[in-house]
Amino acid sequence: MVLENETVSAISLLSQEILSKIGWIIQAIGGLLVIYIILIIVKIFTIKKELNILKEVQKDLKIIKKKLKIK
């Protein structure tokens, strides 16, 4: 009877320890996911900015080509 109680308490402690570790791992993964999402958002904004710059350069090139054709 005493062995059963000790075994049950040992299993209970072990399962609590495992659940604690699993909870910590899930929190760490969640934190990494948040950082990853923030980096993706920053990348999207930089890509948009680069696209706007490319559009302006294309417009400038068209203007330059027109001016060169006139001469």
N, C-alpha and C. Protein backbone atom coordinates (compact mmCIF):
# COMPACT_ATOMS: atom_id res chain seq x y z
N MET A 1 0.83 -1.19 0.00
CA MET A 1 0.00 0.00 0.00
C MET A 1 0.87 1.25 0.00
N VAL A 2 1.93 1.24 0.79
CA VAL A 2 2.82 2.39 0.86
C VAL A 2 3.54 2.58 -0.47
N LEU A 3 3.94 1.46 -1.08
CA LEU A 3 4.61 1.53 -2.37
C LEU A 3 3.70 2.12 -3.45
N GLU A 4 2.43 1.76 -3.39
CA GLU A 4 1.48 2.29 -4.38
C GLU A 4 1.34 3.80 -4.24
N ASN A 5 1.25 4.27 -3.00
CA ASN A 5 1.12 5.72 -2.77
C ASN A 5 2.37 6.46 -3.24
N GLU A 6 3.53 5.88 -2.96
CA GLU A 6 4.78 6.51 -3.40
C GLU A 6 4.88 6.50 -4.92
N THR A 7 4.46 5.40 -5.51
CA THR A 7 4.50 5.30 -6.97
C THR A 7 3.56 6.31 -7.61
N VAL A 8 2.36 6.41 -7.06
CA VAL A 8 1.38 7.37 -7.59
C VAL A 8 1.89 8.79 -7.43
N SER A 9 2.48 9.11 -6.29
CA SER A 9 2.99 10.46 -6.08
C SER A 9 4.19 10.74 -6.99
N ALA A 10 5.03 9.73 -7.21
CA ALA A 10 6.17 9.90 -8.11
C ALA A 10 5.69 10.14 -9.54
N ILE A 11 4.70 9.37 -9.97
CA ILE A 11 4.14 9.55 -11.31
C ILE A 11 3.48 10.92 -11.43
N SER A 12 2.80 11.34 -10.38
CA SER A 12 2.15 12.65 -10.39
C SER A 12 3.18 13.76 -10.50
N LEU A 13 4.26 13.66 -9.73
CA LEU A 13 5.32 14.66 -9.80
C LEU A 13 5.97 14.68 -11.18
N LEU A 14 6.20 13.49 -11.72
CA LEU A 14 6.82 13.38 -13.03
C LEU A 14 5.93 13.99 -14.11
N SER A 15 4.64 13.70 -14.04
CA SER A 15 3.73 14.24 -15.05
C SER A 15 3.63 15.76 -14.92
N GLN A 16 3.65 16.27 -13.69
CA GLN A 16 3.62 17.72 -13.51
C GLN A 16 4.88 18.36 -14.08
N GLU A 17 6.01 17.70 -13.87
CA GLU A 17 7.28 18.21 -14.39
C GLU A 17 7.28 18.22 -15.92
N ILE A 18 6.76 17.14 -16.49
CA ILE A 18 6.68 17.05 -17.96
C ILE A 18 5.74 18.12 -18.50
N LEU A 19 4.59 18.29 -17.87
CA LEU A 19 3.64 19.32 -18.31
C LEU A 19 4.24 20.71 -18.19
N SER A 20 5.03 20.92 -17.15
CA SER A 20 5.68 22.21 -16.97
C SER A 20 6.66 22.47 -18.11
N LYS A 21 7.44 21.45 -18.46
CA LYS A 21 8.40 21.59 -19.56
C LYS A 21 7.68 21.81 -20.89
N ILE A 22 6.60 21.08 -21.11
CA ILE A 22 5.84 21.23 -22.35
C ILE A 22 5.25 22.64 -22.43
N GLY A 23 4.74 23.14 -21.32
CA GLY A 23 4.21 24.50 -21.29
C GLY A 23 5.28 25.53 -21.61
N TRP A 24 6.48 25.33 -21.06
CA TRP A 24 7.60 26.24 -21.33
C TRP A 24 7.98 26.20 -22.81
N ILE A 25 8.00 25.00 -23.39
CA ILE A 25 8.34 24.85 -24.81
C ILE A 25 7.30 25.54 -25.68
N ILE A 26 6.03 25.39 -25.34
CA ILE A 26 4.96 26.03 -26.11
C ILE A 26 5.08 27.55 -26.03
N GLN A 27 5.40 28.08 -24.86
CA GLN A 27 5.58 29.52 -24.72
C GLN A 27 6.77 30.01 -25.55
N ALA A 28 7.84 29.24 -25.55
CA ALA A 28 9.02 29.62 -26.33
C ALA A 28 8.70 29.62 -27.83
N ILE A 29 7.98 28.62 -28.28
CA ILE A 29 7.59 28.55 -29.69
C ILE A 29 6.67 29.73 -30.03
N GLY A 30 5.77 30.06 -29.13
CA GLY A 30 4.88 31.21 -29.36
C GLY A 30 5.67 32.51 -29.47
N GLY A 31 6.66 32.68 -28.62
CA GLY A 31 7.50 33.88 -28.69
C GLY A 31 8.26 33.96 -30.00
N LEU A 32 8.81 32.83 -30.43
CA LEU A 32 9.52 32.81 -31.71
C LEU A 32 8.58 33.11 -32.87
N LEU A 33 7.37 32.61 -32.77
CA LEU A 33 6.38 32.85 -33.82
C LEU A 33 6.04 34.34 -33.91
N VAL A 34 5.90 34.99 -32.77
CA VAL A 34 5.62 36.43 -32.76
C VAL A 34 6.77 37.20 -33.41
N ILE A 35 8.00 36.85 -33.06
CA ILE A 35 9.17 37.51 -33.65
C ILE A 35 9.19 37.29 -35.16
N TYR A 36 8.90 36.07 -35.60
CA TYR A 36 8.89 35.74 -37.02
C TYR A 36 7.84 36.56 -37.76
N ILE A 37 6.66 36.69 -37.18
CA ILE A 37 5.59 37.47 -37.81
C ILE A 37 5.99 38.95 -37.91
N ILE A 38 6.62 39.48 -36.88
CA ILE A 38 7.08 40.87 -36.92
C ILE A 38 8.11 41.05 -38.03
N LEU A 39 9.03 40.10 -38.17
CA LEU A 39 10.03 40.20 -39.23
C LEU A 39 9.39 40.12 -40.61
N ILE A 40 8.37 39.30 -40.76
CA ILE A 40 7.67 39.20 -42.05
C ILE A 40 6.98 40.53 -42.37
N ILE A 41 6.36 41.15 -41.38
CA ILE A 41 5.69 42.44 -41.60
C ILE A 41 6.71 43.50 -42.02
N VAL A 42 7.86 43.52 -41.36
CA VAL A 42 8.91 44.48 -41.73
C VAL A 42 9.37 44.23 -43.16
N LYS A 43 9.55 42.97 -43.51
CA LYS A 43 9.98 42.62 -44.87
C LYS A 43 8.96 43.06 -45.90
N ILE A 44 7.68 42.89 -45.61
CA ILE A 44 6.62 43.31 -46.54
C ILE A 44 6.69 44.82 -46.77
N PHE A 45 6.88 45.59 -45.70
CA PHE A 45 6.96 47.04 -45.86
C PHE A 45 8.19 47.45 -46.67
N THR A 46 9.32 46.78 -46.46
CA THR A 46 10.51 47.13 -47.24
C THR A 46 10.33 46.76 -48.71
N ILE A 47 9.66 45.65 -48.98
CA ILE A 47 9.40 45.27 -50.37
C ILE A 47 8.49 46.29 -51.04
N LYS A 48 7.46 46.76 -50.33
CA LYS A 48 6.58 47.78 -50.88
C LYS A 48 7.36 49.06 -51.21
N LYS A 49 8.25 49.43 -50.30
CA LYS A 49 9.05 50.63 -50.52
C LYS A 49 9.94 50.47 -51.74
N GLU A 50 10.56 49.29 -51.87
CA GLU A 50 11.42 49.03 -53.02
C GLU A 50 10.62 49.05 -54.32
N LEU A 51 9.41 48.53 -54.30
CA LEU A 51 8.57 48.55 -55.49
C LEU A 51 8.22 49.98 -55.90
N ASN A 52 7.93 50.81 -54.92
CA ASN A 52 7.64 52.22 -55.22
C ASN A 52 8.85 52.90 -55.84
N ILE A 53 10.03 52.61 -55.32
CA ILE A 53 11.26 53.19 -55.88
C ILE A 53 11.46 52.71 -57.31
N LEU A 54 11.23 51.42 -57.55
CA LEU A 54 11.37 50.89 -58.91
C LEU A 54 10.39 51.54 -59.88
N LYS A 55 9.17 51.79 -59.44
CA LYS A 55 8.18 52.46 -60.29
C LYS A 55 8.64 53.87 -60.64
N GLU A 56 9.19 54.58 -59.66
CA GLU A 56 9.69 55.92 -59.92
C GLU A 56 10.85 55.89 -60.90
N VAL A 57 11.73 54.92 -60.76
CA VAL A 57 12.86 54.79 -61.67
C VAL A 57 12.36 54.50 -63.09
N GLN A 58 11.36 53.65 -63.22
CA GLN A 58 10.80 53.35 -64.54
C GLN A 58 10.21 54.61 -65.18
N LYS A 59 9.51 55.40 -64.39
CA LYS A 59 8.95 56.65 -64.92
C LYS A 59 10.08 57.58 -65.39
N ASP A 60 11.12 57.68 -64.57
CA ASP A 60 12.25 58.53 -64.93
C ASP A 60 12.91 58.04 -66.22
N LEU A 61 13.04 56.73 -66.37
CA LEU A 61 13.64 56.17 -67.58
C LEU A 61 12.80 56.48 -68.81
N LYS A 62 11.50 56.41 -68.68
CA LYS A 62 10.61 56.74 -69.80
C LYS A 62 10.79 58.21 -70.20
N ILE A 63 10.87 59.08 -69.21
CA ILE A 63 11.06 60.51 -69.48
C ILE A 63 12.40 60.74 -70.17
N ILE A 64 13.45 60.08 -69.69
CA ILE A 64 14.78 60.23 -70.29
C ILE A 64 14.77 59.72 -71.73
N LYS A 65 14.13 58.59 -71.98
CA LYS A 65 14.06 58.05 -73.34
C LYS A 65 13.34 59.01 -74.28
N LYS A 66 12.24 59.61 -73.80
CA LYS A 66 11.50 60.57 -74.61
C LYS A 66 12.36 61.78 -74.94
N LYS A 67 13.10 62.27 -73.94
CA LYS A 67 13.95 63.44 -74.16
C LYS A 67 15.08 63.12 -75.13
N LEU A 68 15.61 61.91 -75.06
CA LEU A 68 16.68 61.52 -75.97
C LEU A 68 16.16 61.38 -77.40
N LYS A 69 14.95 60.91 -77.56
CA LYS A 69 14.36 60.76 -78.89
C LYS A 69 14.09 62.12 -79.53
N ILE A 70 13.74 63.10 -78.74
CA ILE A 70 13.44 64.44 -79.24
C ILE A 70 14.69 65.07 -79.84
N LYS A 71 15.82 64.87 -79.21
CA LYS A 71 17.07 65.47 -79.68
C LYS A 71 17.48 64.75 -80.91
